[in-house]
Amino acid sequence: MSPDYYVIGRRIKQCRLDRKMTQEELADEINISVAFLSRVERGNAHLNLRRLTQIGIFQHKKRCVSHSSCTRVFQLRVKVR
């Protein structure tokens, strides 16, 4: 089973919005382009593990208004074969 990139993107977007951040601000924090972040949030592209980890570290520093929406980004279960 592969990860659902649409769900991951929605969760990243919700967390970003909970923190009242623009796409530009988040993209700058994790060193990607705004266009790429937009594609990730729509589920048309995916972040590698390093970038997902950066978001997790950044979230821990900034604390979300709705912390549960941020932690859900990393609670996706992928069945390993």
C-alpha atoms as a PDB file:
ATOM      1  CA  MET A   1       0.000   0.000   0.000  1.00  0.00           C
ATOM      2  CA  SER A   2       1.447   3.342  -0.973  1.00  0.00           C
ATOM      3  CA  PRO A   3       0.954   6.589   0.936  1.00  0.00           C
ATOM      4  CA  ASP A   4      -2.027   8.741   0.011  1.00  0.00           C
ATOM      5  CA  TYR A   5      -0.295  11.944  -1.060  1.00  0.00           C
ATOM      6  CA  TYR A   6      -3.609  13.786  -1.291  1.00  0.00           C
ATOM      7  CA  VAL A   7      -4.251  13.151   2.424  1.00  0.00           C
ATOM      8  CA  ILE A   8      -0.697  14.107   3.364  1.00  0.00           C
ATOM      9  CA  GLY A   9      -0.989  17.332   1.366  1.00  0.00           C
ATOM     10  CA  ARG A  10      -4.322  18.242   2.958  1.00  0.00           C
ATOM     11  CA  ARG A  11      -2.868  17.703   6.424  1.00  0.00           C
ATOM     12  CA  ILE A  12       0.185  19.814   5.675  1.00  0.00           C
ATOM     13  CA  LYS A  13      -2.054  22.579   4.359  1.00  0.00           C
ATOM     14  CA  GLN A  14      -4.370  22.423   7.383  1.00  0.00           C
ATOM     15  CA  CYS A  15      -1.438  22.650   9.749  1.00  0.00           C
ATOM     16  CA  ARG A  16      -0.013  25.597   7.814  1.00  0.00           C
ATOM     17  CA  LEU A  17      -3.370  27.375   7.956  1.00  0.00           C
ATOM     18  CA  ASP A  18      -3.751  26.608  11.676  1.00  0.00           C
ATOM     19  CA  ARG A  19      -0.458  28.410  12.211  1.00  0.00           C
ATOM     20  CA  LYS A  20      -1.664  31.299  10.034  1.00  0.00           C
ATOM     21  CA  MET A  21       1.289  30.835   7.703  1.00  0.00           C
ATOM     22  CA  THR A  22       1.443  31.539   4.005  1.00  0.00           C
ATOM     23  CA  GLN A  23       2.758  28.996   1.556  1.00  0.00           C
ATOM     24  CA  GLU A  24       5.739  31.266   1.053  1.00  0.00           C
ATOM     25  CA  GLU A  25       6.596  31.239   4.763  1.00  0.00           C
ATOM     26  CA  LEU A  26       6.425  27.459   5.068  1.00  0.00           C
ATOM     27  CA  ALA A  27       8.294  26.936   1.797  1.00  0.00           C
ATOM     28  CA  ASP A  28      11.068  29.228   3.035  1.00  0.00           C
ATOM     29  CA  GLU A  29      11.299  27.320   6.325  1.00  0.00           C
ATOM     30  CA  ILE A  30      11.830  23.966   4.610  1.00  0.00           C
ATOM     31  CA  ASN A  31      13.762  25.330   1.624  1.00  0.00           C
ATOM     32  CA  ILE A  32      11.419  24.438  -1.240  1.00  0.00           C
ATOM     33  CA  SER A  33       9.666  26.587  -3.828  1.00  0.00           C
ATOM     34  CA  VAL A  34       6.152  27.895  -3.292  1.00  0.00           C
ATOM     35  CA  ALA A  35       5.078  26.198  -6.531  1.00  0.00           C
ATOM     36  CA  PHE A  36       6.310  22.833  -5.261  1.00  0.00           C
ATOM     37  CA  LEU A  37       4.605  23.291  -1.874  1.00  0.00           C
ATOM     38  CA  SER A  38       1.378  24.126  -3.694  1.00  0.00           C
ATOM     39  CA  ARG A  39       1.630  20.879  -5.675  1.00  0.00           C
ATOM     40  CA  VAL A  40       2.317  18.946  -2.454  1.00  0.00           C
ATOM     41  CA  GLU A  41      -0.743  20.439  -0.754  1.00  0.00           C
ATOM     42  CA  ARG A  42      -2.886  19.412  -3.733  1.00  0.00           C
ATOM     43  CA  GLY A  43      -1.467  15.879  -3.694  1.00  0.00           C
ATOM     44  CA  ASN A  44       0.216  16.267  -7.087  1.00  0.00           C
ATOM     45  CA  ALA A  45       3.739  15.931  -5.656  1.00  0.00           C
ATOM     46  CA  HIS A  46       5.227  14.488  -2.499  1.00  0.00           C
ATOM     47  CA  LEU A  47       7.878  15.487  -0.015  1.00  0.00           C
ATOM     48  CA  ASN A  48      10.771  13.225   0.793  1.00  0.00           C
ATOM     49  CA  LEU A  49      11.313  12.012   4.326  1.00  0.00           C
ATOM     50  CA  ARG A  50      13.868  14.741   5.039  1.00  0.00           C
ATOM     51  CA  ARG A  51      11.357  17.493   4.224  1.00  0.00           C
ATOM     52  CA  LEU A  52       8.606  15.816   6.234  1.00  0.00           C
ATOM     53  CA  THR A  53      11.016  15.656   9.154  1.00  0.00           C
ATOM     54  CA  GLN A  54      11.808  19.352   8.735  1.00  0.00           C
ATOM     55  CA  ILE A  55       8.106  20.168   8.915  1.00  0.00           C
ATOM     56  CA  GLY A  56       7.838  18.068  12.086  1.00  0.00           C
ATOM     57  CA  ILE A  57      10.764  19.852  13.735  1.00  0.00           C
ATOM     58  CA  PHE A  58       9.418  23.236  12.652  1.00  0.00           C
ATOM     59  CA  GLN A  59       5.952  22.378  13.963  1.00  0.00           C
ATOM     60  CA  HIS A  60       7.405  21.440  17.322  1.00  0.00           C
ATOM     61  CA  LYS A  61       9.069  24.862  17.577  1.00  0.00           C
ATOM     62  CA  LYS A  62       6.020  26.868  16.460  1.00  0.00           C
ATOM     63  CA  ARG A  63       3.131  24.860  17.992  1.00  0.00           C
ATOM     64  CA  CYS A  64      -0.061  24.872  16.017  1.00  0.00           C
ATOM     65  CA  VAL A  65      -3.325  26.407  17.091  1.00  0.00           C
ATOM     66  CA  SER A  66      -4.808  22.975  16.463  1.00  0.00           C
ATOM     67  CA  HIS A  67      -1.879  20.757  17.423  1.00  0.00           C
ATOM     68  CA  SER A  68      -3.731  17.587  16.456  1.00  0.00           C
ATOM     69  CA  SER A  69      -3.900  18.611  12.798  1.00  0.00           C
ATOM     70  CA  CYS A  70      -0.122  18.921  12.698  1.00  0.00           C
ATOM     71  CA  THR A  71       0.694  15.688  14.422  1.00  0.00           C
ATOM     72  CA  ARG A  72      -1.651  13.822  12.076  1.00  0.00           C
ATOM     73  CA  VAL A  73       0.715  14.607   9.208  1.00  0.00           C
ATOM     74  CA  PHE A  74       3.087  12.068  10.688  1.00  0.00           C
ATOM     75  CA  GLN A  75       0.525   9.511  11.819  1.00  0.00           C
ATOM     76  CA  LEU A  76       0.045   8.052   8.347  1.00  0.00           C
ATOM     77  CA  ARG A  77       0.642   4.341   8.323  1.00  0.00           C
ATOM     78  CA  VAL A  78       2.253   2.779   5.332  1.00  0.00           C
ATOM     79  CA  LYS A  79       2.188  -0.968   5.007  1.00  0.00           C
ATOM     80  CA  VAL A  80       5.700  -2.198   4.308  1.00  0.00           C
ATOM     81  CA  ARG A  81       6.003  -5.268   2.129  1.00  0.00           C
END
